[in-house]
Each structure stands twice: as structure tokens, then as C-alpha cells.
C-alpha atoms as a PDB file:
ATOM      1  CA  MET A   1      12.962   6.349  22.777  1.00  0.00           C
ATOM      2  CA  LEU A   2      16.065   5.119  20.956  1.00  0.00           C
ATOM      3  CA  ASN A   3      17.523   3.980  24.272  1.00  0.00           C
ATOM      4  CA  GLU A   4      14.354   2.004  24.998  1.00  0.00           C
ATOM      5  CA  VAL A   5      14.506   0.290  21.601  1.00  0.00           C
ATOM      6  CA  GLU A   6      18.173  -0.551  22.083  1.00  0.00           C
ATOM      7  CA  ARG A   7      17.414  -1.975  25.523  1.00  0.00           C
ATOM      8  CA  TRP A   8      14.553  -4.029  24.054  1.00  0.00           C
ATOM      9  CA  LEU A   9      16.770  -5.326  21.263  1.00  0.00           C
ATOM     10  CA  ALA A  10      19.308  -6.479  23.832  1.00  0.00           C
ATOM     11  CA  THR A  11      16.750  -8.200  26.066  1.00  0.00           C
ATOM     12  CA  ARG A  12      13.929  -9.332  23.777  1.00  0.00           C
ATOM     13  CA  SER A  13      15.650 -10.290  20.491  1.00  0.00           C
ATOM     14  CA  TRP A  14      16.968 -13.816  20.347  1.00  0.00           C
ATOM     15  CA  SER A  15      18.240 -16.494  17.990  1.00  0.00           C
ATOM     16  CA  VAL A  16      16.601 -19.873  17.567  1.00  0.00           C
ATOM     17  CA  THR A  17      19.818 -21.366  18.949  1.00  0.00           C
ATOM     18  CA  ASP A  18      19.326 -19.579  22.284  1.00  0.00           C
ATOM     19  CA  ARG A  19      16.693 -22.120  23.304  1.00  0.00           C
ATOM     20  CA  PRO A  20      17.588 -25.713  22.460  1.00  0.00           C
ATOM     21  CA  LEU A  21      14.625 -27.967  21.821  1.00  0.00           C
ATOM     22  CA  HIS A  22      15.226 -30.012  24.969  1.00  0.00           C
ATOM     23  CA  ARG A  23      14.920 -26.845  27.068  1.00  0.00           C
ATOM     24  CA  ILE A  24      11.689 -25.879  25.314  1.00  0.00           C
ATOM     25  CA  MET A  25      10.256 -29.361  25.860  1.00  0.00           C
ATOM     26  CA  ALA A  26      11.185 -29.277  29.545  1.00  0.00           C
ATOM     27  CA  ALA A  27       9.341 -25.977  29.876  1.00  0.00           C
ATOM     28  CA  LYS A  28       6.316 -27.374  28.055  1.00  0.00           C
ATOM     29  CA  ARG A  29       6.157 -30.339  30.396  1.00  0.00           C
ATOM     30  CA  GLY A  30       6.585 -28.070  33.387  1.00  0.00           C
ATOM     31  CA  THR A  31       3.867 -25.603  32.397  1.00  0.00           C
ATOM     32  CA  GLY A  32       1.452 -28.016  30.756  1.00  0.00           C
ATOM     33  CA  ARG A  33       0.808 -25.462  28.019  1.00  0.00           C
ATOM     34  CA  THR A  34      -0.573 -26.719  24.707  1.00  0.00           C
ATOM     35  CA  VAL A  35       0.459 -25.442  21.269  1.00  0.00           C
ATOM     36  CA  SER A  36      -1.677 -25.037  18.157  1.00  0.00           C
ATOM     37  CA  VAL A  37      -0.150 -24.282  14.758  1.00  0.00           C
ATOM     38  CA  VAL A  38      -2.410 -22.505  12.255  1.00  0.00           C
ATOM     39  CA  LEU A  39      -1.729 -22.225   8.526  1.00  0.00           C
ATOM     40  CA  PRO A  40      -4.052 -19.787   6.724  1.00  0.00           C
ATOM     41  CA  ALA A  41      -4.188 -21.076   3.143  1.00  0.00           C
ATOM     42  CA  LEU A  42      -5.551 -19.969  -0.212  1.00  0.00           C
ATOM     43  CA  ASN A  43      -4.424 -21.971  -3.241  1.00  0.00           C
ATOM     44  CA  GLU A  44      -1.181 -23.218  -1.698  1.00  0.00           C
ATOM     45  CA  GLU A  45      -1.179 -26.852  -2.884  1.00  0.00           C
ATOM     46  CA  GLU A  46       2.481 -26.620  -3.945  1.00  0.00           C
ATOM     47  CA  THR A  47       3.820 -25.779  -0.472  1.00  0.00           C
ATOM     48  CA  VAL A  48       1.272 -26.469   2.278  1.00  0.00           C
ATOM     49  CA  GLY A  49       1.839 -30.237   2.326  1.00  0.00           C
ATOM     50  CA  ASP A  50       5.589 -29.961   2.855  1.00  0.00           C
ATOM     51  CA  ILE A  51       5.135 -27.469   5.705  1.00  0.00           C
ATOM     52  CA  VAL A  52       2.617 -29.687   7.481  1.00  0.00           C
ATOM     53  CA  ALA A  53       4.777 -32.788   6.976  1.00  0.00           C
ATOM     54  CA  VAL A  54       7.873 -31.119   8.446  1.00  0.00           C
ATOM     55  CA  ILE A  55       5.993 -29.868  11.515  1.00  0.00           C
ATOM     56  CA  ARG A  56       4.378 -33.262  12.089  1.00  0.00           C
ATOM     57  CA  HIS A  57       7.656 -35.148  11.753  1.00  0.00           C
ATOM     58  CA  ASP A  58       9.895 -32.810  13.755  1.00  0.00           C
ATOM     59  CA  LEU A  59       7.541 -31.407  16.376  1.00  0.00           C
ATOM     60  CA  MET A  60       4.841 -34.050  16.845  1.00  0.00           C
ATOM     61  CA  GLN A  61       6.494 -37.403  16.118  1.00  0.00           C
ATOM     62  CA  GLN A  62      10.114 -36.761  17.117  1.00  0.00           C
ATOM     63  CA  VAL A  63       9.155 -34.538  20.069  1.00  0.00           C
ATOM     64  CA  PRO A  64       5.622 -33.657  21.223  1.00  0.00           C
ATOM     65  CA  LEU A  65       5.931 -29.871  21.077  1.00  0.00           C
ATOM     66  CA  VAL A  66       2.929 -29.206  18.811  1.00  0.00           C
ATOM     67  CA  ASP A  67      -0.465 -30.519  19.886  1.00  0.00           C
ATOM     68  CA  GLU A  68      -2.449 -29.734  16.737  1.00  0.00           C
ATOM     69  CA  ILE A  69      -1.912 -28.459  13.189  1.00  0.00           C
ATOM     70  CA  VAL A  70      -4.907 -26.732  11.646  1.00  0.00           C
ATOM     71  CA  VAL A  71      -5.039 -25.521   8.054  1.00  0.00           C
ATOM     72  CA  VAL A  72      -7.798 -22.972   7.550  1.00  0.00           C
ATOM     73  CA  ASP A  73      -8.742 -22.967   3.865  1.00  0.00           C
ATOM     74  CA  SER A  74     -10.207 -19.638   2.835  1.00  0.00           C
ATOM     75  CA  GLY A  75     -11.764 -20.780  -0.435  1.00  0.00           C
ATOM     76  CA  SER A  76      -9.029 -22.519  -2.434  1.00  0.00           C
ATOM     77  CA  THR A  77      -9.859 -23.657  -5.945  1.00  0.00           C
ATOM     78  CA  ASP A  78      -6.895 -26.019  -6.150  1.00  0.00           C
ATOM     79  CA  ARG A  79      -6.055 -29.107  -4.055  1.00  0.00           C
ATOM     80  CA  THR A  80      -4.877 -27.204  -0.961  1.00  0.00           C
ATOM     81  CA  SER A  81      -7.322 -28.948   1.380  1.00  0.00           C
ATOM     82  CA  GLU A  82      -6.598 -32.445   0.044  1.00  0.00           C
ATOM     83  CA  VAL A  83      -2.824 -31.979   0.151  1.00  0.00           C
ATOM     84  CA  ALA A  84      -2.916 -30.545   3.683  1.00  0.00           C
ATOM     85  CA  ALA A  85      -5.125 -33.347   4.982  1.00  0.00           C
ATOM     86  CA  ALA A  86      -2.962 -36.013   3.344  1.00  0.00           C
ATOM     87  CA  ALA A  87       0.088 -34.529   5.080  1.00  0.00           C
ATOM     88  CA  GLY A  88      -1.613 -34.838   8.464  1.00  0.00           C
ATOM     89  CA  ALA A  89      -3.275 -31.497   9.158  1.00  0.00           C
ATOM     90  CA  ARG A  90      -6.821 -31.005  10.333  1.00  0.00           C
ATOM     91  CA  VAL A  91      -8.405 -28.914   7.588  1.00  0.00           C
ATOM     92  CA  VAL A  92     -11.177 -26.482   8.430  1.00  0.00           C
ATOM     93  CA  HIS A  93     -12.915 -24.276   5.908  1.00  0.00           C
ATOM     94  CA  ARG A  94     -13.218 -20.627   6.791  1.00  0.00           C
ATOM     95  CA  ASP A  95     -16.957 -20.456   6.098  1.00  0.00           C
ATOM     96  CA  ASP A  96     -17.638 -23.362   8.466  1.00  0.00           C
ATOM     97  CA  ILE A  97     -16.202 -21.470  11.443  1.00  0.00           C
ATOM     98  CA  LEU A  98     -18.711 -19.157  13.102  1.00  0.00           C
ATOM     99  CA  PRO A  99     -21.227 -19.350  10.218  1.00  0.00           C
ATOM    100  CA  ARG A 100     -23.522 -16.899  12.021  1.00  0.00           C
ATOM    101  CA  ILE A 101     -21.185 -14.114  10.881  1.00  0.00           C
ATOM    102  CA  PRO A 102     -20.743 -14.119   7.068  1.00  0.00           C
ATOM    103  CA  ALA A 103     -17.059 -14.363   6.168  1.00  0.00           C
ATOM    104  CA  VAL A 104     -15.275 -11.717   4.152  1.00  0.00           C
ATOM    105  CA  PRO A 105     -12.099 -12.201   2.100  1.00  0.00           C
ATOM    106  CA  GLY A 106      -8.816 -11.516   3.841  1.00  0.00           C
ATOM    107  CA  LYS A 107      -6.002 -13.062   5.819  1.00  0.00           C
ATOM    108  CA  GLY A 108      -6.975 -11.400   9.074  1.00  0.00           C
ATOM    109  CA  GLU A 109     -10.454 -12.856   8.799  1.00  0.00           C
ATOM    110  CA  VAL A 110      -8.987 -16.359   8.643  1.00  0.00           C
ATOM    111  CA  LEU A 111      -6.653 -15.788  11.599  1.00  0.00           C
ATOM    112  CA  TRP A 112      -9.486 -14.383  13.703  1.00  0.00           C
ATOM    113  CA  ARG A 113     -11.769 -17.344  13.007  1.00  0.00           C
ATOM    114  CA  SER A 114      -8.948 -19.792  13.693  1.00  0.00           C
ATOM    115  CA  LEU A 115      -9.210 -18.959  17.404  1.00  0.00           C
ATOM    116  CA  LEU A 116     -12.547 -20.763  17.416  1.00  0.00           C
ATOM    117  CA  ALA A 117     -11.138 -23.729  15.491  1.00  0.00           C
ATOM    118  CA  THR A 118      -8.163 -24.357  17.787  1.00  0.00           C
ATOM    119  CA  SER A 119      -7.665 -25.098  21.459  1.00  0.00           C
ATOM    120  CA  GLY A 120      -3.998 -24.436  22.243  1.00  0.00           C
ATOM    121  CA  ASP A 121      -2.891 -22.123  25.030  1.00  0.00           C
ATOM    122  CA  ILE A 122      -0.311 -20.842  22.542  1.00  0.00           C
ATOM    123  CA  VAL A 123      -1.282 -20.217  18.925  1.00  0.00           C
ATOM    124  CA  CYS A 124       1.432 -20.155  16.273  1.00  0.00           C
ATOM    125  CA  PHE A 125       0.658 -18.729  12.826  1.00  0.00           C
ATOM    126  CA  ILE A 126       2.681 -19.889   9.820  1.00  0.00           C
ATOM    127  CA  ASP A 127       2.115 -18.706   6.234  1.00  0.00           C
ATOM    128  CA  ALA A 128       1.335 -21.577   3.875  1.00  0.00           C
ATOM    129  CA  ASP A 129       3.477 -20.403   0.932  1.00  0.00           C
ATOM    130  CA  LEU A 130       6.911 -20.951   2.516  1.00  0.00           C
ATOM    131  CA  LYS A 131       9.515 -22.906   0.578  1.00  0.00           C
ATOM    132  CA  GLU A 132      12.357 -24.996   2.039  1.00  0.00           C
ATOM    133  CA  PHE A 133      10.521 -24.830   5.343  1.00  0.00           C
ATOM    134  CA  SER A 134      12.291 -25.533   8.631  1.00  0.00           C
ATOM    135  CA  SER A 135      10.535 -26.464  11.875  1.00  0.00           C
ATOM    136  CA  ASP A 136      12.816 -23.880  13.522  1.00  0.00           C
ATOM    137  CA  PHE A 137      10.177 -21.362  12.464  1.00  0.00           C
ATOM    138  CA  VAL A 138       7.754 -22.973  14.905  1.00  0.00           C
ATOM    139  CA  SER A 139      10.052 -23.981  17.767  1.00  0.00           C
ATOM    140  CA  GLY A 140      11.916 -20.675  17.553  1.00  0.00           C
ATOM    141  CA  ILE A 141       8.881 -18.463  18.069  1.00  0.00           C
ATOM    142  CA  VAL A 142       7.042 -20.776  20.450  1.00  0.00           C
ATOM    143  CA  GLY A 143      10.088 -21.276  22.676  1.00  0.00           C
ATOM    144  CA  PRO A 144      10.071 -17.918  24.492  1.00  0.00           C
ATOM    145  CA  LEU A 145       6.355 -18.268  25.263  1.00  0.00           C
ATOM    146  CA  LEU A 146       7.010 -21.579  27.024  1.00  0.00           C
ATOM    147  CA  THR A 147      10.211 -20.572  28.820  1.00  0.00           C
ATOM    148  CA  ASP A 148       9.461 -16.954  29.768  1.00  0.00           C
ATOM    149  CA  PRO A 149       6.116 -16.167  31.436  1.00  0.00           C
ATOM    150  CA  GLU A 150       6.615 -12.438  30.844  1.00  0.00           C
ATOM    151  CA  VAL A 151       6.498 -12.805  27.038  1.00  0.00           C
ATOM    152  CA  ASP A 152       3.086 -12.750  25.340  1.00  0.00           C
ATOM    153  CA  LEU A 153       3.837 -12.418  21.611  1.00  0.00           C
ATOM    154  CA  VAL A 154       6.853 -13.431  19.533  1.00  0.00           C
ATOM    155  CA  LYS A 155       7.537 -12.498  15.905  1.00  0.00           C
ATOM    156  CA  GLY A 156       9.889 -14.374  13.656  1.00  0.00           C
ATOM    157  CA  MET A 157      12.697 -12.402  12.022  1.00  0.00           C
ATOM    158  CA  TYR A 158      14.701 -13.598   9.031  1.00  0.00           C
ATOM    159  CA  ASP A 159      16.423 -12.709   5.794  1.00  0.00           C
ATOM    160  CA  ARG A 160      14.032 -12.340   2.854  1.00  0.00           C
ATOM    161  CA  PRO A 161      15.825 -12.841  -0.474  1.00  0.00           C
ATOM    162  CA  LEU A 162      14.210 -11.542  -3.666  1.00  0.00           C
ATOM    163  CA  GLY A 163      15.228 -13.001  -7.010  1.00  0.00           C
ATOM    164  CA  GLY A 164      18.530 -14.244  -5.619  1.00  0.00           C
ATOM    165  CA  ALA A 165      19.375 -10.922  -3.959  1.00  0.00           C
ATOM    166  CA  ALA A 166      19.755 -11.173  -0.195  1.00  0.00           C
ATOM    167  CA  GLY A 167      17.705  -8.848   1.982  1.00  0.00           C
ATOM    168  CA  GLN A 168      15.615  -7.356  -0.828  1.00  0.00           C
ATOM    169  CA  GLY A 169      12.301  -8.973   0.132  1.00  0.00           C
ATOM    170  CA  GLY A 170       9.785  -7.282   2.389  1.00  0.00           C
ATOM    171  CA  ARG A 171       9.189  -4.285   0.137  1.00  0.00           C
ATOM    172  CA  VAL A 172       5.930  -3.268   1.828  1.00  0.00           C
ATOM    173  CA  THR A 173       7.710  -3.417   5.174  1.00  0.00           C
ATOM    174  CA  GLU A 174      10.451  -1.037   4.070  1.00  0.00           C
ATOM    175  CA  LEU A 175       8.265   1.373   2.092  1.00  0.00           C
ATOM    176  CA  MET A 176       5.153   1.481   4.262  1.00  0.00           C
ATOM    177  CA  ALA A 177       5.176  -0.350   7.592  1.00  0.00           C
ATOM    178  CA  ARG A 178       8.615   0.590   8.905  1.00  0.00           C
ATOM    179  CA  PRO A 179       8.200   4.335   8.280  1.00  0.00           C
ATOM    180  CA  LEU A 180       4.747   4.263   9.895  1.00  0.00           C
ATOM    181  CA  LEU A 181       6.000   2.442  12.973  1.00  0.00           C
ATOM    182  CA  ASN A 182       9.088   4.609  13.363  1.00  0.00           C
ATOM    183  CA  MET A 183       7.084   7.821  13.105  1.00  0.00           C
ATOM    184  CA  HIS A 184       3.999   6.915  15.117  1.00  0.00           C
ATOM    185  CA  TRP A 185       4.930   3.953  17.334  1.00  0.00           C
ATOM    186  CA  PRO A 186       8.706   4.291  17.754  1.00  0.00           C
ATOM    187  CA  GLN A 187       8.742   1.703  20.545  1.00  0.00           C
ATOM    188  CA  LEU A 188       8.115  -0.889  17.814  1.00  0.00           C
ATOM    189  CA  ALA A 189      11.017   0.300  15.654  1.00  0.00           C
ATOM    190  CA  GLY A 190      13.150  -2.657  16.731  1.00  0.00           C
ATOM    191  CA  PHE A 191      11.032  -5.274  14.966  1.00  0.00           C
ATOM    192  CA  VAL A 192      12.955  -6.576  11.966  1.00  0.00           C
ATOM    193  CA  GLN A 193       9.910  -8.130  10.280  1.00  0.00           C
ATOM    194  CA  PRO A 194       6.817  -6.375  11.664  1.00  0.00           C
ATOM    195  CA  LEU A 195       4.627  -7.704   8.823  1.00  0.00           C
ATOM    196  CA  GLY A 196       6.001 -11.248   8.867  1.00  0.00           C
ATOM    197  CA  GLY A 197       3.373 -13.974   8.887  1.00  0.00           C
ATOM    198  CA  GLU A 198       5.237 -16.227  11.300  1.00  0.00           C
ATOM    199  CA  TYR A 199       4.492 -15.380  14.912  1.00  0.00           C
ATOM    200  CA  ALA A 200       3.075 -16.944  18.051  1.00  0.00           C
ATOM    201  CA  ALA A 201       1.140 -15.561  20.973  1.00  0.00           C
ATOM    202  CA  ARG A 202      -0.720 -16.595  24.062  1.00  0.00           C
ATOM    203  CA  ARG A 203      -4.400 -17.209  23.451  1.00  0.00           C
ATOM    204  CA  SER A 204      -5.121 -14.990  26.442  1.00  0.00           C
ATOM    205  CA  LEU A 205      -3.693 -12.064  24.440  1.00  0.00           C
ATOM    206  CA  LEU A 206      -5.069 -12.936  20.997  1.00  0.00           C
ATOM    207  CA  GLU A 207      -8.626 -13.250  22.235  1.00  0.00           C
ATOM    208  CA  GLN A 208      -8.517  -9.653  23.500  1.00  0.00           C
ATOM    209  CA  LEU A 209      -7.309  -8.116  20.225  1.00  0.00           C
ATOM    210  CA  PRO A 210      -9.400  -6.803  17.336  1.00  0.00           C
ATOM    211  CA  PHE A 211      -8.397  -8.330  13.983  1.00  0.00           C
ATOM    212  CA  PRO A 212      -8.300  -6.243  10.799  1.00  0.00           C
ATOM    213  CA  VAL A 213      -9.778  -8.595   8.214  1.00  0.00           C
ATOM    214  CA  GLY A 214      -7.103  -8.053   5.558  1.00  0.00           C
ATOM    215  CA  TYR A 215      -3.386  -7.459   5.196  1.00  0.00           C
ATOM    216  CA  GLY A 216      -3.319  -4.925   8.013  1.00  0.00           C
ATOM    217  CA  VAL A 217      -3.678  -7.662  10.599  1.00  0.00           C
ATOM    218  CA  GLU A 218       0.018  -7.969  11.474  1.00  0.00           C
ATOM    219  CA  LEU A 219       0.594  -4.246  11.961  1.00  0.00           C
ATOM    220  CA  GLY A 220      -2.668  -3.855  13.852  1.00  0.00           C
ATOM    221  CA  MET A 221      -1.818  -6.762  16.129  1.00  0.00           C
ATOM    222  CA  LEU A 222       1.607  -5.332  17.014  1.00  0.00           C
ATOM    223  CA  VAL A 223       0.245  -1.875  17.774  1.00  0.00           C
ATOM    224  CA  ASP A 224      -2.698  -3.150  19.807  1.00  0.00           C
ATOM    225  CA  ALA A 225      -0.529  -5.640  21.729  1.00  0.00           C
ATOM    226  CA  LEU A 226       1.902  -2.839  22.578  1.00  0.00           C
ATOM    227  CA  HIS A 227      -0.899  -0.820  24.160  1.00  0.00           C
ATOM    228  CA  LEU A 228      -2.436  -3.836  25.895  1.00  0.00           C
ATOM    229  CA  VAL A 229       0.598  -5.596  27.397  1.00  0.00           C
ATOM    230  CA  GLY A 230       3.570  -3.272  26.854  1.00  0.00           C
ATOM    231  CA  LEU A 231       6.815  -3.519  24.905  1.00  0.00           C
ATOM    232  CA  ASP A 232       8.566  -5.989  27.196  1.00  0.00           C
ATOM    233  CA  ALA A 233       5.835  -8.572  26.599  1.00  0.00           C
ATOM    234  CA  LEU A 234       6.768  -8.563  22.896  1.00  0.00           C
ATOM    235  CA  ALA A 235       9.815 -10.292  21.433  1.00  0.00           C
ATOM    236  CA  GLN A 236      11.397 -11.566  18.224  1.00  0.00           C
ATOM    237  CA  VAL A 237      13.517 -14.574  17.289  1.00  0.00           C
ATOM    238  CA  ASP A 238      15.922 -14.976  14.359  1.00  0.00           C
ATOM    239  CA  VAL A 239      14.930 -18.167  12.529  1.00  0.00           C
ATOM    240  CA  GLY A 240      17.182 -17.835   9.479  1.00  0.00           C
ATOM    241  CA  VAL A 241      15.920 -17.348   5.929  1.00  0.00           C
ATOM    242  CA  ARG A 242      12.351 -17.074   4.662  1.00  0.00           C
ATOM    243  CA  LYS A 243      11.666 -18.078   1.065  1.00  0.00           C
ATOM    244  CA  HIS A 244       8.199 -17.723  -0.390  1.00  0.00           C
ATOM    245  CA  ARG A 245       6.200 -16.611  -3.388  1.00  0.00           C
ATOM    246  CA  HIS A 246       6.497 -12.865  -4.000  1.00  0.00           C
ATOM    247  CA  GLN A 247       3.613 -10.618  -5.014  1.00  0.00           C
ATOM    248  CA  ASP A 248       3.710  -8.299  -8.009  1.00  0.00           C
ATOM    249  CA  GLY A 249       3.972  -4.545  -7.587  1.00  0.00           C
ATOM    250  CA  GLN A 250       0.263  -3.838  -7.843  1.00  0.00           C
ATOM    251  CA  ALA A 251      -0.614  -6.443  -5.228  1.00  0.00           C
ATOM    252  CA  LEU A 252       1.967  -4.804  -2.971  1.00  0.00           C
ATOM    253  CA  GLY A 253       0.220  -1.475  -3.537  1.00  0.00           C
ATOM    254  CA  ARG A 254      -3.069  -2.927  -2.355  1.00  0.00           C
ATOM    255  CA  MET A 255      -1.361  -4.426   0.682  1.00  0.00           C
ATOM    256  CA  SER A 256       0.189  -1.049   1.480  1.00  0.00           C
ATOM    257  CA  ALA A 257      -3.177   0.688   1.269  1.00  0.00           C
ATOM    258  CA  ALA A 258      -4.691  -1.793   3.730  1.00  0.00           C
ATOM    259  CA  ILE A 259      -1.775  -1.339   6.112  1.00  0.00           C
ATOM    260  CA  TYR A 260      -2.018   2.439   5.930  1.00  0.00           C
ATOM    261  CA  ARG A 261      -5.737   2.201   6.656  1.00  0.00           C
ATOM    262  CA  THR A 262      -5.049   0.044   9.700  1.00  0.00           C
ATOM    263  CA  ALA A 263      -2.521   2.568  10.983  1.00  0.00           C
ATOM    264  CA  GLN A 264      -4.879   5.458  10.344  1.00  0.00           C
ATOM    265  CA  LEU A 265      -7.647   3.842  12.370  1.00  0.00           C
ATOM    266  CA  ARG A 266      -5.300   3.400  15.290  1.00  0.00           C
ATOM    267  CA  LEU A 267      -4.009   6.934  15.085  1.00  0.00           C
ATOM    268  CA  ALA A 268      -7.345   8.699  15.034  1.00  0.00           C
ATOM    269  CA  ARG A 269     -10.145   6.135  14.821  1.00  0.00           C
ATOM    270  CA  GLY A 270     -11.343   8.379  12.042  1.00  0.00           C
ATOM    271  CA  HIS A 271     -12.767   7.664   8.618  1.00  0.00           C
ATOM    272  CA  MET A 272     -10.839   7.329   5.419  1.00  0.00           C
ATOM    273  CA  ILE A 273     -12.066   9.870   2.885  1.00  0.00           C
ATOM    274  CA  ARG A 274     -11.883   7.359   0.049  1.00  0.00           C
ATOM    275  CA  PRO A 275     -11.490   3.730   1.136  1.00  0.00           C
ATOM    276  CA  SER A 276     -10.332   2.585  -2.290  1.00  0.00           C
ATOM    277  CA  LEU A 277      -7.188   2.474  -4.388  1.00  0.00           C
ATOM    278  CA  THR A 278      -6.972   3.038  -8.136  1.00  0.00           C
ATOM    279  CA  GLN A 279      -4.093   1.430 -10.021  1.00  0.00           C
ATOM    280  CA  PHE A 280      -3.289   1.317 -13.720  1.00  0.00           C
ATOM    281  CA  GLU A 281      -2.578  -1.473 -16.176  1.00  0.00           C
ATOM    282  CA  ARG A 282      -1.575  -1.011 -19.792  1.00  0.00           C
ATOM    283  CA  GLY A 283      -4.188  -2.373 -22.149  1.00  0.00           C
ATOM    284  CA  GLN A 284      -4.700  -2.290 -25.907  1.00  0.00           C
ATOM    285  CA  ASP A 285      -5.909   1.314 -25.762  1.00  0.00           C
ATOM    286  CA  GLY A 286      -3.406   2.626 -23.248  1.00  0.00           C
ATOM    287  CA  PHE A 287      -3.473   2.654 -19.465  1.00  0.00           C
ATOM    288  CA  GLU A 288      -6.670   1.337 -17.973  1.00  0.00           C
ATOM    289  CA  PRO A 289      -7.723   2.100 -14.376  1.00  0.00           C
ATOM    290  CA  ARG A 290      -8.506  -0.663 -11.936  1.00  0.00           C
ATOM    291  CA  THR A 291     -10.059   0.358  -8.634  1.00  0.00           C
ATOM    292  CA  TYR A 292      -9.953  -1.868  -5.564  1.00  0.00           C
ATOM    293  CA  SER A 293     -11.641  -1.391  -2.229  1.00  0.00           C
ATOM    294  CA  VAL A 294      -9.355  -1.065   0.788  1.00  0.00           C
ATOM    295  CA  ASP A 295     -10.129  -3.298   3.764  1.00  0.00           C
ATOM    296  CA  THR A 296     -12.031  -1.165   6.250  1.00  0.00           C
ATOM    297  CA  GLU A 297     -13.594  -3.816   8.455  1.00  0.00           C
ATOM    298  CA  GLU A 298     -12.202  -5.190  11.674  1.00  0.00           C
ATOM    299  CA  ARG A 299     -13.399  -8.116  13.740  1.00  0.00           C
ATOM    300  CA  PRO A 300     -13.943  -7.491  17.458  1.00  0.00           C
ATOM    301  CA  PRO A 301     -11.904  -9.225  20.159  1.00  0.00           C
ATOM    302  CA  MET A 302     -12.884 -12.893  20.192  1.00  0.00           C
ATOM    303  CA  VAL A 303     -13.860 -12.718  23.872  1.00  0.00           C
ATOM    304  CA  GLU A 304     -16.840 -10.604  22.766  1.00  0.00           C
ATOM    305  CA  ILE A 305     -18.200 -13.393  20.539  1.00  0.00           C
ATOM    306  CA  ALA A 306     -20.937 -15.420  22.247  1.00  0.00           C
ATOM    307  CA  GLU A 307     -19.896 -18.743  20.723  1.00  0.00           C
ATOM    308  CA  TYR A 308     -16.335 -18.310  21.969  1.00  0.00           C
ATOM    309  CA  ALA A 309     -17.425 -17.268  25.455  1.00  0.00           C
ATOM    310  CA  LYS A 310     -19.727 -20.290  25.639  1.00  0.00           C
ATOM    311  CA  ARG A 311     -16.875 -22.592  24.663  1.00  0.00           C
ATOM    312  CA  LYS A 312     -14.646 -21.145  27.382  1.00  0.00           C
ATOM    313  CA  VAL A 313     -17.297 -21.714  30.031  1.00  0.00           C
ATOM    314  CA  ALA A 314     -17.808 -25.292  28.859  1.00  0.00           C
END
């Protein structure tokens, strides 16, 4: 298995500089493929506007790589929607997409619904909390999908500084996701950032995948894509440095529980004995328990949704 991972790293791990923008644009013109960029957003007014503005300027006005930018607002209480729209994105509210199915909280829920709100042959997901954003994040991960017909999904890889220390971000990756992948799906051990929120895939793949509604969506997508299309259809591209808002330790614990649940379902399709996580916070009278439910729901492949199938026929 180690030999297979090493071979994959040599043939399916690239740098953003490996595909100059002019080569990507030539491939786009040649294939006629369209590109949608989706930003799932919840209270990201400080960063979402800059991200949208950079993508619009670099990849829509300077060169026509991106065909649409869609911000899916999952219930923000700040000015996320207004800022995103002012920067040039089309803003769609989560609850307005597929209203027949009541929405539940979670990132995966937003990504799943975004397939109905976009039209691109290639869908590129970008987290809305990135700082000092570069359009290389988009062109880097979209490039292989336009230039190599054998690639179906591309993850971004990058350094993740934490508090000024290089490489210390991605704590849930190192403590939960990477051990799980190495032990149970060793073919995926070569992914540098398996939980990263910046990745692109062909719609034809995404619409066949189930989507965990919460933080397990990235791990679930990698595992399911591996089984559906094989390792050589997956790739990663080094896009530099990722700076974003970091979660506190307890939030990371809840993320880890959701990711473990996602892995467990894929290992046995069994039932978690206790789908909840109790954490502790110090209060006036000592440590006080706080119990949170762990995401247990998954959305079916989008091709099974009547509204999506009807749109494809039309």
C-alpha cells in the first residue's frame, strides 16, 4: 500500500505553478466545460466580500475561467449576504433551495443543496473565512479537472499556520482524520489536507455521492469518491498558505466527533451507541457539562432527488 501511495504522490500531487493560467484557459475553451464556485457562508461578513472580489477580478474579468460565483448563506445574522452580493456574488439562502426537504444545520447540508443552485460542469468549493485570499486557490484546483479527463476530484493542499507558528493548523486533521484514514483507508494516506474546505470536482461525481450534513462531509466525500472512481481519479494541488479563523478546542472536539461518526458509518454502516458528545466548561460552581448531538444524518446522492432529475431532463 505504501508503494501505491508513493506512486500516487508522484503522479497526482501537483503545484499551482504546474498549470499556467493560459494552459488552463486553453483547456476550458477546448472542452467547453463551465465552472461554478460555491462559498458556504455563516456570519462571514469580514472575509466573504474580499474572496468574491478577488475571484471576480482575477478569474471572471481578467480571464473568463469562472462562470458563476454563488454564496450559499446558511442563516447568517450579520451582513454576510449584503457584503457578498455587493462584491458580485449571487447569494442564495440555504432554506430557499429545495424547500420540500427541511434544512438542518451543517456545512455538508449547504454543499449538498448548492448542487441545485449551480449549473457548472465543475463545482469548486471555497470556505468563506479565508484571509489574504489568492485566486490560485480556485485556478489551482480547477486546473487538473480541465486539463486531465482522468481526474474527477482535486483537493487543495497548503500550509496552515496557527498563531504565527507554521504548520500547526489542522489539529482535527492530525488528531482524528489522518489516523482514521491511515488505518482504515490507507490509499488516502497521501492527502496532505483531507479535511480542507477548498476542493473541486466534476458535477457528474458530486451528484452521485451522499453528503454527511455536518463536518464529516470532507472525509465522507474522499472515502466515497475513492470507492466510486478509484484513487487515480483523485488528486491534490499545492496552493501555498491558508489563513483563516481558528476554532476553539471544544468546537474542534465536536468536529472530531462528527468526523468519527462519518468514518464509523462507512466502516460498518452500523449505529452509534450514543450519538452525542459531552464536554465541560468551568462555571461559577465548578465544571459544568454541555452535551451536543453528533451529526448522524446524511443526504442521499443528488441524482436521487426528483427536483434535480427534472432539471437535468429539462
